[in-house]
């Protein structure tokens, strides 16, 4: 394949990634439905967002609002039961957030 053909090659659109504007609107929506509180139930303020689908499956539609303490626990805790429980919880939260968001758009 020549360089010219390579430059014309159509790139696949990543349907898992939102534009920055869309992502910020979605984060605002999550913050609104969670009343600014961490969605794991600890009642701390949301300070970041967690993708429940990570790695090559990272999907912006799987976001959940979380605080830094719970987020660090989710990623780095030595207690595997606690880490696994938060992982399962946020998979459900991510799906539910996206469902509510898409319903609110109708």
N, C-alpha and C. Protein backbone atom coordinates (compact mmCIF):
# COMPACT_ATOMS: atom_id res chain seq x y z
N UNK A 1 0.84 -1.17 0.00
CA UNK A 1 0.00 0.00 0.00
C UNK A 1 0.89 1.24 0.00
N UNK A 2 0.60 2.17 -0.87
CA UNK A 2 1.40 3.39 -0.96
C UNK A 2 1.06 4.33 0.19
N UNK A 3 1.91 5.32 0.42
CA UNK A 3 1.64 6.31 1.46
C UNK A 3 0.36 7.08 1.18
N UNK A 4 0.13 7.35 -0.08
CA UNK A 4 -1.07 8.08 -0.46
C UNK A 4 -2.32 7.27 -0.10
N UNK A 5 -2.28 5.98 -0.34
CA UNK A 5 -3.42 5.13 0.00
C UNK A 5 -3.60 5.03 1.51
N UNK A 6 -2.50 5.03 2.24
CA UNK A 6 -2.58 4.96 3.69
C UNK A 6 -3.21 6.21 4.27
N UNK A 7 -2.90 7.36 3.72
CA UNK A 7 -3.46 8.61 4.23
C UNK A 7 -4.94 8.73 3.91
N UNK A 8 -5.41 8.07 2.90
CA UNK A 8 -6.83 8.09 2.54
C UNK A 8 -7.64 7.06 3.31
N UNK A 9 -6.96 6.19 3.98
CA UNK A 9 -7.62 5.11 4.70
C UNK A 9 -8.60 5.70 5.72
N UNK A 10 -9.81 5.22 5.69
CA UNK A 10 -10.84 5.74 6.59
C UNK A 10 -10.65 5.14 7.97
N UNK A 11 -10.64 6.00 8.97
CA UNK A 11 -10.49 5.55 10.34
C UNK A 11 -11.85 5.15 10.89
N UNK A 12 -11.86 4.08 11.65
CA UNK A 12 -13.10 3.68 12.30
C UNK A 12 -13.42 4.65 13.44
N UNK A 13 -14.67 4.96 13.58
CA UNK A 13 -15.10 5.84 14.66
C UNK A 13 -15.25 4.99 15.92
N UNK A 14 -14.67 5.46 17.02
CA UNK A 14 -14.79 4.76 18.29
C UNK A 14 -16.11 5.14 18.93
N UNK A 15 -17.06 4.22 18.92
CA UNK A 15 -18.39 4.51 19.45
C UNK A 15 -18.40 4.53 20.98
N UNK A 16 -17.31 4.12 21.60
CA UNK A 16 -17.25 4.11 23.05
C UNK A 16 -16.79 5.44 23.62
N UNK A 17 -16.25 6.30 22.78
CA UNK A 17 -15.75 7.59 23.22
C UNK A 17 -16.74 8.69 22.86
N UNK A 18 -17.01 9.57 23.80
CA UNK A 18 -17.86 10.74 23.56
C UNK A 18 -16.97 11.94 23.27
N UNK A 19 -17.55 12.92 22.63
CA UNK A 19 -16.81 14.17 22.45
C UNK A 19 -16.68 14.81 23.83
N UNK A 20 -15.77 15.74 23.97
CA UNK A 20 -15.54 16.41 25.25
C UNK A 20 -16.81 17.11 25.74
N UNK A 21 -17.54 17.73 24.83
CA UNK A 21 -18.78 18.41 25.20
C UNK A 21 -19.81 17.40 25.70
N UNK A 22 -19.99 16.31 24.96
CA UNK A 22 -20.93 15.27 25.37
C UNK A 22 -20.55 14.67 26.72
N UNK A 23 -19.25 14.40 26.90
CA UNK A 23 -18.77 13.81 28.14
C UNK A 23 -19.03 14.74 29.32
N UNK A 24 -18.78 16.02 29.15
CA UNK A 24 -19.03 16.98 30.23
C UNK A 24 -20.51 17.08 30.57
N UNK A 25 -21.38 17.03 29.55
CA UNK A 25 -22.82 17.04 29.80
C UNK A 25 -23.24 15.79 30.57
N UNK A 26 -22.67 14.66 30.19
CA UNK A 26 -22.99 13.40 30.87
C UNK A 26 -22.52 13.43 32.32
N UNK A 27 -21.32 13.95 32.56
CA UNK A 27 -20.81 14.06 33.93
C UNK A 27 -21.68 14.99 34.76
N UNK A 28 -22.12 16.10 34.16
CA UNK A 28 -23.03 17.02 34.87
C UNK A 28 -24.33 16.32 35.24
N UNK A 29 -24.83 15.49 34.31
CA UNK A 29 -26.06 14.74 34.57
C UNK A 29 -25.85 13.77 35.74
N UNK A 30 -24.73 13.05 35.74
CA UNK A 30 -24.44 12.10 36.82
C UNK A 30 -24.36 12.85 38.15
N UNK A 31 -23.70 13.97 38.16
CA UNK A 31 -23.58 14.78 39.37
C UNK A 31 -24.96 15.23 39.86
N UNK A 32 -25.83 15.57 38.92
CA UNK A 32 -27.18 16.02 39.26
C UNK A 32 -28.01 14.88 39.86
N UNK A 33 -28.01 13.71 39.22
CA UNK A 33 -28.85 12.61 39.73
C UNK A 33 -28.30 12.05 41.04
N UNK A 34 -27.00 12.18 41.27
CA UNK A 34 -26.39 11.69 42.51
C UNK A 34 -26.39 12.76 43.59
N UNK A 35 -26.92 13.93 43.28
CA UNK A 35 -26.95 15.05 44.22
C UNK A 35 -25.55 15.40 44.72
N UNK A 36 -24.54 15.21 43.85
CA UNK A 36 -23.17 15.56 44.17
C UNK A 36 -22.47 14.60 45.11
N UNK A 37 -23.13 13.48 45.45
CA UNK A 37 -22.57 12.52 46.40
C UNK A 37 -22.05 11.29 45.67
N UNK A 38 -21.02 10.68 46.24
CA UNK A 38 -20.43 9.46 45.69
C UNK A 38 -21.52 8.40 45.52
N UNK A 39 -21.53 7.75 44.38
CA UNK A 39 -22.59 6.81 44.08
C UNK A 39 -22.42 5.45 44.75
N UNK A 40 -21.33 5.26 45.50
CA UNK A 40 -21.18 3.98 46.22
C UNK A 40 -21.98 3.99 47.51
N UNK A 41 -22.45 5.16 47.93
CA UNK A 41 -23.27 5.26 49.12
C UNK A 41 -22.55 5.78 50.35
N UNK A 42 -21.30 6.17 50.21
CA UNK A 42 -20.53 6.64 51.38
C UNK A 42 -20.88 8.07 51.76
N UNK A 43 -21.61 8.78 50.90
CA UNK A 43 -22.10 10.14 51.16
C UNK A 43 -21.01 11.21 51.10
N UNK A 44 -19.83 10.89 50.56
CA UNK A 44 -18.80 11.91 50.33
C UNK A 44 -19.09 12.60 49.00
N UNK A 45 -18.50 13.76 48.81
CA UNK A 45 -18.69 14.52 47.57
C UNK A 45 -18.02 13.82 46.38
N UNK A 46 -18.65 13.87 45.21
CA UNK A 46 -18.04 13.34 43.99
C UNK A 46 -16.81 14.18 43.67
N UNK A 47 -15.68 13.51 43.46
CA UNK A 47 -14.47 14.23 43.09
C UNK A 47 -13.88 13.74 41.77
N UNK A 48 -14.37 12.60 41.29
CA UNK A 48 -13.90 12.07 40.02
C UNK A 48 -14.96 11.11 39.47
N UNK A 49 -14.67 10.53 38.33
CA UNK A 49 -15.61 9.60 37.69
C UNK A 49 -14.87 8.33 37.35
N UNK A 50 -15.55 7.20 37.51
CA UNK A 50 -14.93 5.90 37.29
C UNK A 50 -15.57 5.21 36.09
N UNK A 51 -14.73 4.72 35.17
CA UNK A 51 -15.22 3.89 34.06
C UNK A 51 -15.32 2.46 34.58
N UNK A 52 -16.53 1.89 34.57
CA UNK A 52 -16.64 0.51 35.04
C UNK A 52 -16.14 -0.47 33.99
N UNK A 53 -16.10 -0.04 32.74
CA UNK A 53 -15.49 -0.86 31.67
C UNK A 53 -14.14 -0.24 31.37
N UNK A 54 -13.07 -0.96 31.74
CA UNK A 54 -11.73 -0.39 31.61
C UNK A 54 -10.93 -1.13 30.56
N UNK A 55 -9.70 -0.68 30.39
CA UNK A 55 -8.79 -1.32 29.44
C UNK A 55 -9.22 -1.08 28.01
N UNK A 56 -9.14 -2.09 27.19
CA UNK A 56 -9.51 -1.93 25.78
C UNK A 56 -11.02 -1.77 25.63
N UNK A 57 -11.79 -2.14 26.66
CA UNK A 57 -13.24 -1.99 26.63
C UNK A 57 -13.71 -0.68 27.25
N UNK A 58 -12.80 0.23 27.56
CA UNK A 58 -13.14 1.49 28.23
C UNK A 58 -14.24 2.21 27.45
N UNK A 59 -15.34 2.44 28.13
CA UNK A 59 -16.52 3.00 27.49
C UNK A 59 -17.01 4.18 28.32
N UNK A 60 -17.13 5.36 27.69
CA UNK A 60 -17.58 6.55 28.41
C UNK A 60 -19.01 6.40 28.93
N UNK A 61 -19.77 5.47 28.38
CA UNK A 61 -21.15 5.25 28.82
C UNK A 61 -21.22 4.49 30.13
N UNK A 62 -20.08 4.07 30.66
CA UNK A 62 -20.05 3.27 31.88
C UNK A 62 -19.57 4.07 33.09
N UNK A 63 -19.77 5.37 33.08
CA UNK A 63 -19.26 6.23 34.15
C UNK A 63 -20.13 6.20 35.40
N UNK A 64 -19.44 6.33 36.53
CA UNK A 64 -20.11 6.52 37.80
C UNK A 64 -19.38 7.59 38.58
N UNK A 65 -20.12 8.39 39.33
CA UNK A 65 -19.51 9.43 40.15
C UNK A 65 -18.96 8.84 41.44
N UNK A 66 -17.74 9.20 41.77
CA UNK A 66 -17.06 8.60 42.93
C UNK A 66 -16.11 9.63 43.54
N UNK A 67 -15.75 9.43 44.80
CA UNK A 67 -14.75 10.31 45.42
C UNK A 67 -13.39 9.63 45.37
N UNK A 68 -12.34 10.39 45.65
CA UNK A 68 -10.98 9.87 45.52
C UNK A 68 -10.68 8.71 46.47
N UNK A 69 -11.24 8.74 47.66
CA UNK A 69 -10.97 7.68 48.63
C UNK A 69 -11.52 6.34 48.12
N UNK A 70 -12.79 6.35 47.70
CA UNK A 70 -13.40 5.12 47.18
C UNK A 70 -12.74 4.70 45.86
N UNK A 71 -12.35 5.68 45.05
CA UNK A 71 -11.71 5.37 43.78
C UNK A 71 -10.37 4.68 44.01
N UNK A 72 -9.60 5.18 44.96
CA UNK A 72 -8.32 4.53 45.29
C UNK A 72 -8.55 3.13 45.85
N UNK A 73 -9.58 2.97 46.67
CA UNK A 73 -9.92 1.65 47.20
C UNK A 73 -10.27 0.70 46.07
N UNK A 74 -11.05 1.19 45.12
CA UNK A 74 -11.48 0.38 43.99
C UNK A 74 -10.30 -0.11 43.17
N UNK A 75 -9.29 0.72 43.01
CA UNK A 75 -8.15 0.36 42.17
C UNK A 75 -6.99 -0.29 42.93
N UNK A 76 -6.76 0.14 44.18
CA UNK A 76 -5.52 -0.23 44.85
C UNK A 76 -5.67 -0.95 46.19
N UNK A 77 -6.89 -1.25 46.61
CA UNK A 77 -7.07 -1.88 47.91
C UNK A 77 -6.42 -3.26 47.94
N UNK A 78 -5.84 -3.59 49.09
CA UNK A 78 -5.28 -4.93 49.27
C UNK A 78 -6.37 -5.91 49.70
N UNK A 79 -7.53 -5.37 50.09
CA UNK A 79 -8.68 -6.22 50.45
C UNK A 79 -9.43 -6.57 49.17
N UNK A 80 -9.20 -7.77 48.67
CA UNK A 80 -9.78 -8.16 47.38
C UNK A 80 -11.30 -8.21 47.42
N UNK A 81 -11.89 -8.53 48.58
CA UNK A 81 -13.35 -8.58 48.69
C UNK A 81 -13.96 -7.19 48.55
N UNK A 82 -13.35 -6.22 49.21
CA UNK A 82 -13.83 -4.84 49.14
C UNK A 82 -13.68 -4.30 47.71
N UNK A 83 -12.55 -4.57 47.11
CA UNK A 83 -12.29 -4.11 45.74
C UNK A 83 -13.27 -4.75 44.77
N UNK A 84 -13.51 -6.03 44.90
CA UNK A 84 -14.44 -6.74 44.01
C UNK A 84 -15.87 -6.24 44.20
N UNK A 85 -16.26 -5.98 45.45
CA UNK A 85 -17.61 -5.47 45.73
C UNK A 85 -17.83 -4.11 45.06
N UNK A 86 -16.84 -3.22 45.17
CA UNK A 86 -16.95 -1.91 44.52
C UNK A 86 -16.96 -2.04 43.00
N UNK A 87 -16.19 -2.97 42.47
CA UNK A 87 -16.15 -3.18 41.02
C UNK A 87 -17.52 -3.62 40.51
N UNK A 88 -18.13 -4.57 41.19
CA UNK A 88 -19.46 -5.05 40.79
C UNK A 88 -20.49 -3.94 40.95
N UNK A 89 -20.42 -3.21 42.05
CA UNK A 89 -21.35 -2.11 42.30
C UNK A 89 -21.28 -1.08 41.17
N UNK A 90 -20.08 -0.69 40.77
CA UNK A 90 -19.94 0.36 39.77
C UNK A 90 -20.28 -0.11 38.36
N UNK A 91 -20.22 -1.40 38.10
CA UNK A 91 -20.70 -1.89 36.80
C UNK A 91 -22.20 -1.64 36.69
N UNK A 92 -22.92 -1.93 37.74
CA UNK A 92 -24.36 -1.67 37.76
C UNK A 92 -24.68 -0.19 37.73
N UNK A 93 -23.92 0.59 38.49
CA UNK A 93 -24.14 2.03 38.53
C UNK A 93 -23.90 2.64 37.15
N UNK A 94 -22.84 2.23 36.47
CA UNK A 94 -22.54 2.75 35.14
C UNK A 94 -23.67 2.46 34.15
N UNK A 95 -24.18 1.23 34.17
CA UNK A 95 -25.30 0.87 33.28
C UNK A 95 -26.54 1.68 33.60
N UNK A 96 -26.84 1.81 34.90
CA UNK A 96 -28.04 2.54 35.31
C UNK A 96 -27.94 4.02 34.98
N UNK A 97 -26.76 4.63 35.17
CA UNK A 97 -26.58 6.04 34.83
C UNK A 97 -26.86 6.26 33.34
N UNK A 98 -26.32 5.38 32.49
CA UNK A 98 -26.51 5.54 31.05
C UNK A 98 -27.98 5.35 30.67
N UNK A 99 -28.64 4.37 31.31
CA UNK A 99 -30.07 4.14 31.03
C UNK A 99 -30.89 5.38 31.38
N UNK A 100 -30.66 5.93 32.55
CA UNK A 100 -31.39 7.13 32.98
C UNK A 100 -31.09 8.32 32.07
N UNK A 101 -29.83 8.45 31.69
CA UNK A 101 -29.43 9.56 30.82
C UNK A 101 -30.13 9.48 29.47
N UNK A 102 -30.13 8.29 28.86
CA UNK A 102 -30.76 8.16 27.54
C UNK A 102 -32.27 8.33 27.63
N UNK A 103 -32.88 7.89 28.74
CA UNK A 103 -34.32 8.09 28.92
C UNK A 103 -34.65 9.57 29.09
N UNK A 104 -33.75 10.31 29.74
CA UNK A 104 -34.00 11.73 29.95
C UNK A 104 -33.88 12.53 28.66
N UNK A 105 -33.23 11.94 27.67
CA UNK A 105 -33.05 12.62 26.37
C UNK A 105 -34.29 12.47 25.49
N UNK A 106 -35.19 11.54 25.82
CA UNK A 106 -36.37 11.30 24.98
C UNK A 106 -37.40 12.40 25.10
